[in-house]
Amino acid sequence: MDKSLLILGAGGHGRSIAELAALTGTYSNIAFLDDSWEPDAPSVLPIVGRMDHLKKYQASFTHAIIGIGNNGVREKLHAELQAEGLALATLVHPRAWVSSSARLGKGSVVFAGVVIGANVQTGEGTIINCNSTVDHDGVIEDFAHLGVGVQLAGGCHIGKSAFVQAGSRGGFGAFAEAFAVCAPGSTLNSRA
């Protein structure tokens, strides 16, 4: 059976995921569920229904992923997909570099220009955005989101659902608590 991908959310993040997925050449069919969908409304995107239509489409797709950047919403939808038995895709852009010893959690997305070093571990549903670096032995917990150009040295620890925004950085052992929101350009401290 050909692989197909259902993306929940057709906003900017979801569209970026669709482009990434197409570049991998893995999926013969990529479509969206999005609450903006209206029957018979013209759309340039292949939106097949609303979020509450998931049960209707689950048998038509081999994989699914959340195309929403909000960490809390992503976690909720991630749980719904698992409860429905859909296989969660993990996507890595062809122009990202991920160490063979790194481990990426289910439903995670790694965008273009990312470098993930040796023994890095990411949890489920994480986002590592364009041109970010997570050096050796880093831990990115479930549903954490690294914005564009985040640079983290070795041994970092980013807590569950933390949002480290664009241009932030941290030296060896950089730390962000669970659910933290780090402003763009932040410097993360090391864990005491």
C-alpha atoms as a PDB file:
ATOM      1  CA  MET A   1       0.000   0.000   0.000  1.00  0.00           C
ATOM      2  CA  ASP A   2       1.269   3.461  -0.886  1.00  0.00           C
ATOM      3  CA  LYS A   3       1.939   5.750   2.035  1.00  0.00           C
ATOM      4  CA  SER A   4      -0.351   8.728   2.482  1.00  0.00           C
ATOM      5  CA  LEU A   5      -0.296  11.590   4.971  1.00  0.00           C
ATOM      6  CA  LEU A   6      -3.147  13.423   6.679  1.00  0.00           C
ATOM      7  CA  ILE A   7      -2.096  16.757   8.195  1.00  0.00           C
ATOM      8  CA  LEU A   8      -4.264  18.243  10.923  1.00  0.00           C
ATOM      9  CA  GLY A   9      -4.147  21.996  10.324  1.00  0.00           C
ATOM     10  CA  ALA A  10      -3.673  23.876   7.044  1.00  0.00           C
ATOM     11  CA  GLY A  11      -2.152  27.095   8.398  1.00  0.00           C
ATOM     12  CA  GLY A  12       1.447  28.155   7.861  1.00  0.00           C
ATOM     13  CA  HIS A  13       2.956  25.333   9.912  1.00  0.00           C
ATOM     14  CA  GLY A  14       0.746  22.709   8.257  1.00  0.00           C
ATOM     15  CA  ARG A  15       1.602  23.972   4.775  1.00  0.00           C
ATOM     16  CA  SER A  16       5.312  23.897   5.665  1.00  0.00           C
ATOM     17  CA  ILE A  17       4.922  20.288   6.786  1.00  0.00           C
ATOM     18  CA  ALA A  18       3.170  19.427   3.513  1.00  0.00           C
ATOM     19  CA  GLU A  19       6.075  20.862   1.496  1.00  0.00           C
ATOM     20  CA  LEU A  20       8.589  18.986   3.635  1.00  0.00           C
ATOM     21  CA  ALA A  21       6.632  15.730   3.291  1.00  0.00           C
ATOM     22  CA  ALA A  22       6.435  16.144  -0.493  1.00  0.00           C
ATOM     23  CA  LEU A  23      10.212  16.672  -0.667  1.00  0.00           C
ATOM     24  CA  THR A  24      10.844  13.369   1.103  1.00  0.00           C
ATOM     25  CA  GLY A  25       9.091  11.504  -1.713  1.00  0.00           C
ATOM     26  CA  THR A  26       7.577   9.133   0.859  1.00  0.00           C
ATOM     27  CA  TYR A  27       3.877   9.964   0.474  1.00  0.00           C
ATOM     28  CA  SER A  28       1.797   9.516  -2.676  1.00  0.00           C
ATOM     29  CA  ASN A  29      -1.109  11.494  -1.235  1.00  0.00           C
ATOM     30  CA  ILE A  30      -0.980  14.442   1.194  1.00  0.00           C
ATOM     31  CA  ALA A  31      -4.168  16.125   2.409  1.00  0.00           C
ATOM     32  CA  PHE A  32      -5.406  18.297   5.271  1.00  0.00           C
ATOM     33  CA  LEU A  33      -8.157  18.496   7.833  1.00  0.00           C
ATOM     34  CA  ASP A  34      -8.784  22.093   8.864  1.00  0.00           C
ATOM     35  CA  ASP A  35     -11.650  23.852  10.612  1.00  0.00           C
ATOM     36  CA  SER A  36     -11.681  26.548   7.903  1.00  0.00           C
ATOM     37  CA  TRP A  37     -12.971  23.952   5.404  1.00  0.00           C
ATOM     38  CA  GLU A  38     -16.360  24.637   3.863  1.00  0.00           C
ATOM     39  CA  PRO A  39     -18.086  22.233   1.458  1.00  0.00           C
ATOM     40  CA  ASP A  40     -17.865  23.383  -2.146  1.00  0.00           C
ATOM     41  CA  ALA A  41     -15.627  26.356  -1.268  1.00  0.00           C
ATOM     42  CA  PRO A  42     -12.713  26.766  -3.691  1.00  0.00           C
ATOM     43  CA  SER A  43      -9.301  25.993  -2.200  1.00  0.00           C
ATOM     44  CA  VAL A  44      -5.797  25.713  -3.585  1.00  0.00           C
ATOM     45  CA  LEU A  45      -4.993  23.187  -0.821  1.00  0.00           C
ATOM     46  CA  PRO A  46      -6.243  19.603  -0.692  1.00  0.00           C
ATOM     47  CA  ILE A  47      -8.408  20.151   2.415  1.00  0.00           C
ATOM     48  CA  VAL A  48     -10.773  17.174   2.658  1.00  0.00           C
ATOM     49  CA  GLY A  49     -12.715  18.111   5.786  1.00  0.00           C
ATOM     50  CA  ARG A  50     -12.797  19.616   9.262  1.00  0.00           C
ATOM     51  CA  MET A  51     -10.965  18.314  12.335  1.00  0.00           C
ATOM     52  CA  ASP A  52     -14.091  16.572  13.598  1.00  0.00           C
ATOM     53  CA  HIS A  53     -14.132  14.524  10.373  1.00  0.00           C
ATOM     54  CA  LEU A  54     -11.077  12.542  11.519  1.00  0.00           C
ATOM     55  CA  LYS A  55     -12.958   9.240  11.915  1.00  0.00           C
ATOM     56  CA  LYS A  56     -14.315   9.576   8.379  1.00  0.00           C
ATOM     57  CA  TYR A  57     -10.811   9.846   6.877  1.00  0.00           C
ATOM     58  CA  GLN A  58      -8.624   7.755   9.179  1.00  0.00           C
ATOM     59  CA  ALA A  59      -8.930   4.617   7.030  1.00  0.00           C
ATOM     60  CA  SER A  60      -7.922   6.557   3.905  1.00  0.00           C
ATOM     61  CA  PHE A  61      -4.461   7.542   5.183  1.00  0.00           C
ATOM     62  CA  THR A  62      -1.528   5.459   6.404  1.00  0.00           C
ATOM     63  CA  HIS A  63       0.009   8.251   8.495  1.00  0.00           C
ATOM     64  CA  ALA A  64      -0.970  11.494  10.176  1.00  0.00           C
ATOM     65  CA  ILE A  65       0.800  14.448  11.757  1.00  0.00           C
ATOM     66  CA  ILE A  66      -0.214  17.626  13.535  1.00  0.00           C
ATOM     67  CA  GLY A  67       0.326  20.800  11.501  1.00  0.00           C
ATOM     68  CA  ILE A  68      -0.329  23.206  14.378  1.00  0.00           C
ATOM     69  CA  GLY A  69       2.450  25.040  16.196  1.00  0.00           C
ATOM     70  CA  ASN A  70       0.571  25.613  19.473  1.00  0.00           C
ATOM     71  CA  ASN A  71       2.081  23.084  21.879  1.00  0.00           C
ATOM     72  CA  GLY A  72      -1.078  22.446  23.920  1.00  0.00           C
ATOM     73  CA  VAL A  73      -3.289  21.967  20.874  1.00  0.00           C
ATOM     74  CA  ARG A  74      -0.656  19.734  19.276  1.00  0.00           C
ATOM     75  CA  GLU A  75      -0.524  17.519  22.367  1.00  0.00           C
ATOM     76  CA  LYS A  76      -4.327  17.165  22.476  1.00  0.00           C
ATOM     77  CA  LEU A  77      -4.595  16.257  18.786  1.00  0.00           C
ATOM     78  CA  HIS A  78      -1.588  13.914  19.063  1.00  0.00           C
ATOM     79  CA  ALA A  79      -3.462  11.970  21.765  1.00  0.00           C
ATOM     80  CA  GLU A  80      -6.589  11.850  19.582  1.00  0.00           C
ATOM     81  CA  LEU A  81      -4.632  10.433  16.655  1.00  0.00           C
ATOM     82  CA  GLN A  82      -3.115   7.753  18.866  1.00  0.00           C
ATOM     83  CA  ALA A  83      -6.543   6.879  20.317  1.00  0.00           C
ATOM     84  CA  GLU A  84      -7.848   6.428  16.769  1.00  0.00           C
ATOM     85  CA  GLY A  85      -4.940   4.119  15.961  1.00  0.00           C
ATOM     86  CA  LEU A  86      -3.384   6.292  13.258  1.00  0.00           C
ATOM     87  CA  ALA A  87       0.353   5.909  12.701  1.00  0.00           C
ATOM     88  CA  LEU A  88       2.121   9.149  13.550  1.00  0.00           C
ATOM     89  CA  ALA A  89       4.644  10.323  10.983  1.00  0.00           C
ATOM     90  CA  THR A  90       8.058  11.646  11.981  1.00  0.00           C
ATOM     91  CA  LEU A  91       9.387  13.963   9.279  1.00  0.00           C
ATOM     92  CA  VAL A  92      12.940  15.096   8.583  1.00  0.00           C
ATOM     93  CA  HIS A  93      13.663  17.574   5.806  1.00  0.00           C
ATOM     94  CA  PRO A  94      16.115  16.189   3.223  1.00  0.00           C
ATOM     95  CA  ARG A  95      18.391  19.176   3.925  1.00  0.00           C
ATOM     96  CA  ALA A  96      18.565  18.597   7.682  1.00  0.00           C
ATOM     97  CA  TRP A  97      21.338  16.564   9.300  1.00  0.00           C
ATOM     98  CA  VAL A  98      20.431  14.191  12.113  1.00  0.00           C
ATOM     99  CA  SER A  99      23.078  12.064  13.810  1.00  0.00           C
ATOM    100  CA  SER A 100      22.554   8.325  13.454  1.00  0.00           C
ATOM    101  CA  SER A 101      22.680   8.077  17.258  1.00  0.00           C
ATOM    102  CA  ALA A 102      19.905  10.669  17.778  1.00  0.00           C
ATOM    103  CA  ARG A 103      16.376   9.477  18.577  1.00  0.00           C
ATOM    104  CA  LEU A 104      13.330  11.409  17.354  1.00  0.00           C
ATOM    105  CA  GLY A 105       9.935  10.916  18.990  1.00  0.00           C
ATOM    106  CA  LYS A 106       6.773  10.025  17.066  1.00  0.00           C
ATOM    107  CA  GLY A 107       5.063  12.931  15.363  1.00  0.00           C
ATOM    108  CA  SER A 108       8.130  15.166  15.417  1.00  0.00           C
ATOM    109  CA  VAL A 109       9.155  17.493  12.583  1.00  0.00           C
ATOM    110  CA  VAL A 110      12.719  18.552  11.718  1.00  0.00           C
ATOM    111  CA  PHE A 111      12.914  21.358   9.152  1.00  0.00           C
ATOM    112  CA  ALA A 112      15.556  22.468   6.615  1.00  0.00           C
ATOM    113  CA  GLY A 113      19.005  23.440   7.824  1.00  0.00           C
ATOM    114  CA  VAL A 114      18.655  21.765  11.226  1.00  0.00           C
ATOM    115  CA  VAL A 115      21.637  19.981  12.782  1.00  0.00           C
ATOM    116  CA  ILE A 116      20.943  17.409  15.499  1.00  0.00           C
ATOM    117  CA  GLY A 117      24.052  16.010  17.149  1.00  0.00           C
ATOM    118  CA  ALA A 118      25.098  12.732  18.693  1.00  0.00           C
ATOM    119  CA  ASN A 119      22.814  11.114  21.266  1.00  0.00           C
ATOM    120  CA  VAL A 120      20.168  13.836  21.132  1.00  0.00           C
ATOM    121  CA  GLN A 121      16.733  12.663  22.246  1.00  0.00           C
ATOM    122  CA  THR A 122      13.503  14.375  21.260  1.00  0.00           C
ATOM    123  CA  GLY A 123      10.146  13.479  22.704  1.00  0.00           C
ATOM    124  CA  GLU A 124       6.899  13.036  20.822  1.00  0.00           C
ATOM    125  CA  GLY A 125       5.361  15.844  18.812  1.00  0.00           C
ATOM    126  CA  THR A 126       8.381  18.145  18.896  1.00  0.00           C
ATOM    127  CA  ILE A 127       9.130  20.863  16.346  1.00  0.00           C
ATOM    128  CA  ILE A 128      12.733  21.726  15.459  1.00  0.00           C
ATOM    129  CA  ASN A 129      12.423  24.678  13.116  1.00  0.00           C
ATOM    130  CA  CYS A 130      14.643  25.845  10.244  1.00  0.00           C
ATOM    131  CA  ASN A 131      18.363  26.405  10.855  1.00  0.00           C
ATOM    132  CA  SER A 132      18.318  25.295  14.493  1.00  0.00           C
ATOM    133  CA  THR A 133      21.066  23.293  16.177  1.00  0.00           C
ATOM    134  CA  VAL A 134      20.783  20.853  19.052  1.00  0.00           C
ATOM    135  CA  ASP A 135      24.290  19.621  19.836  1.00  0.00           C
ATOM    136  CA  HIS A 136      25.328  16.324  21.405  1.00  0.00           C
ATOM    137  CA  ASP A 137      23.442  14.761  24.325  1.00  0.00           C
ATOM    138  CA  GLY A 138      20.594  17.276  24.261  1.00  0.00           C
ATOM    139  CA  VAL A 139      17.078  16.418  25.424  1.00  0.00           C
ATOM    140  CA  ILE A 140      14.005  18.039  23.915  1.00  0.00           C
ATOM    141  CA  GLU A 141      10.935  16.793  25.791  1.00  0.00           C
ATOM    142  CA  ASP A 142       7.469  16.015  24.387  1.00  0.00           C
ATOM    143  CA  PHE A 143       5.727  18.802  22.453  1.00  0.00           C
ATOM    144  CA  ALA A 144       8.557  21.307  22.873  1.00  0.00           C
ATOM    145  CA  HIS A 145       9.026  23.759  20.004  1.00  0.00           C
ATOM    146  CA  LEU A 146      12.340  25.278  18.917  1.00  0.00           C
ATOM    147  CA  GLY A 147      11.778  28.325  16.710  1.00  0.00           C
ATOM    148  CA  VAL A 148      13.796  29.320  13.655  1.00  0.00           C
ATOM    149  CA  GLY A 149      17.531  29.646  14.268  1.00  0.00           C
ATOM    150  CA  VAL A 150      17.666  28.379  17.861  1.00  0.00           C
ATOM    151  CA  GLN A 151      21.236  27.387  18.725  1.00  0.00           C
ATOM    152  CA  LEU A 152      21.793  25.016  21.648  1.00  0.00           C
ATOM    153  CA  ALA A 153      25.147  23.607  22.736  1.00  0.00           C
ATOM    154  CA  GLY A 154      25.663  20.108  24.094  1.00  0.00           C
ATOM    155  CA  GLY A 155      23.783  18.765  27.089  1.00  0.00           C
ATOM    156  CA  CYS A 156      20.800  21.084  26.752  1.00  0.00           C
ATOM    157  CA  HIS A 157      17.472  20.171  28.336  1.00  0.00           C
ATOM    158  CA  ILE A 158      14.266  21.720  27.009  1.00  0.00           C
ATOM    159  CA  GLY A 159      11.230  20.815  29.097  1.00  0.00           C
ATOM    160  CA  LYS A 160       7.855  19.495  27.982  1.00  0.00           C
ATOM    161  CA  SER A 161       5.865  21.947  25.856  1.00  0.00           C
ATOM    162  CA  ALA A 162       8.467  24.697  26.195  1.00  0.00           C
ATOM    163  CA  PHE A 163       8.507  27.215  23.346  1.00  0.00           C
ATOM    164  CA  VAL A 164      12.012  28.528  22.673  1.00  0.00           C
ATOM    165  CA  GLN A 165      11.390  31.262  20.137  1.00  0.00           C
ATOM    166  CA  ALA A 166      13.413  32.323  17.107  1.00  0.00           C
ATOM    167  CA  GLY A 167      17.048  33.294  17.505  1.00  0.00           C
ATOM    168  CA  SER A 168      17.377  32.053  21.068  1.00  0.00           C
ATOM    169  CA  ARG A 169      20.590  30.381  22.183  1.00  0.00           C
ATOM    170  CA  GLY A 170      22.152  28.529  25.047  1.00  0.00           C
ATOM    171  CA  GLY A 171      25.599  27.282  26.008  1.00  0.00           C
ATOM    172  CA  PHE A 172      26.505  23.887  27.393  1.00  0.00           C
ATOM    173  CA  GLY A 173      23.730  22.555  29.620  1.00  0.00           C
ATOM    174  CA  ALA A 174      21.180  25.177  28.532  1.00  0.00           C
ATOM    175  CA  PHE A 175      17.834  24.649  30.205  1.00  0.00           C
ATOM    176  CA  ALA A 176      14.190  25.679  29.745  1.00  0.00           C
ATOM    177  CA  GLU A 177      11.531  24.548  32.202  1.00  0.00           C
ATOM    178  CA  ALA A 178       8.411  22.687  31.109  1.00  0.00           C
ATOM    179  CA  PHE A 179       5.840  25.025  29.522  1.00  0.00           C
ATOM    180  CA  ALA A 180       8.295  27.948  29.475  1.00  0.00           C
ATOM    181  CA  VAL A 181       7.893  30.550  26.739  1.00  0.00           C
ATOM    182  CA  CYS A 182      11.277  32.054  25.909  1.00  0.00           C
ATOM    183  CA  ALA A 183      11.100  35.357  24.042  1.00  0.00           C
ATOM    184  CA  PRO A 184      12.796  35.674  20.641  1.00  0.00           C
ATOM    185  CA  GLY A 185      16.551  36.119  21.046  1.00  0.00           C
ATOM    186  CA  SER A 186      16.632  34.796  24.607  1.00  0.00           C
ATOM    187  CA  THR A 187      19.795  33.448  26.186  1.00  0.00           C
ATOM    188  CA  LEU A 188      19.006  30.273  28.113  1.00  0.00           C
ATOM    189  CA  ASN A 189      20.835  29.671  31.377  1.00  0.00           C
ATOM    190  CA  SER A 190      22.418  26.387  32.343  1.00  0.00           C
ATOM    191  CA  ARG A 191      20.650  24.304  34.944  1.00  0.00           C
ATOM    192  CA  ALA A 192      21.918  25.190  38.409  1.00  0.00           C
END
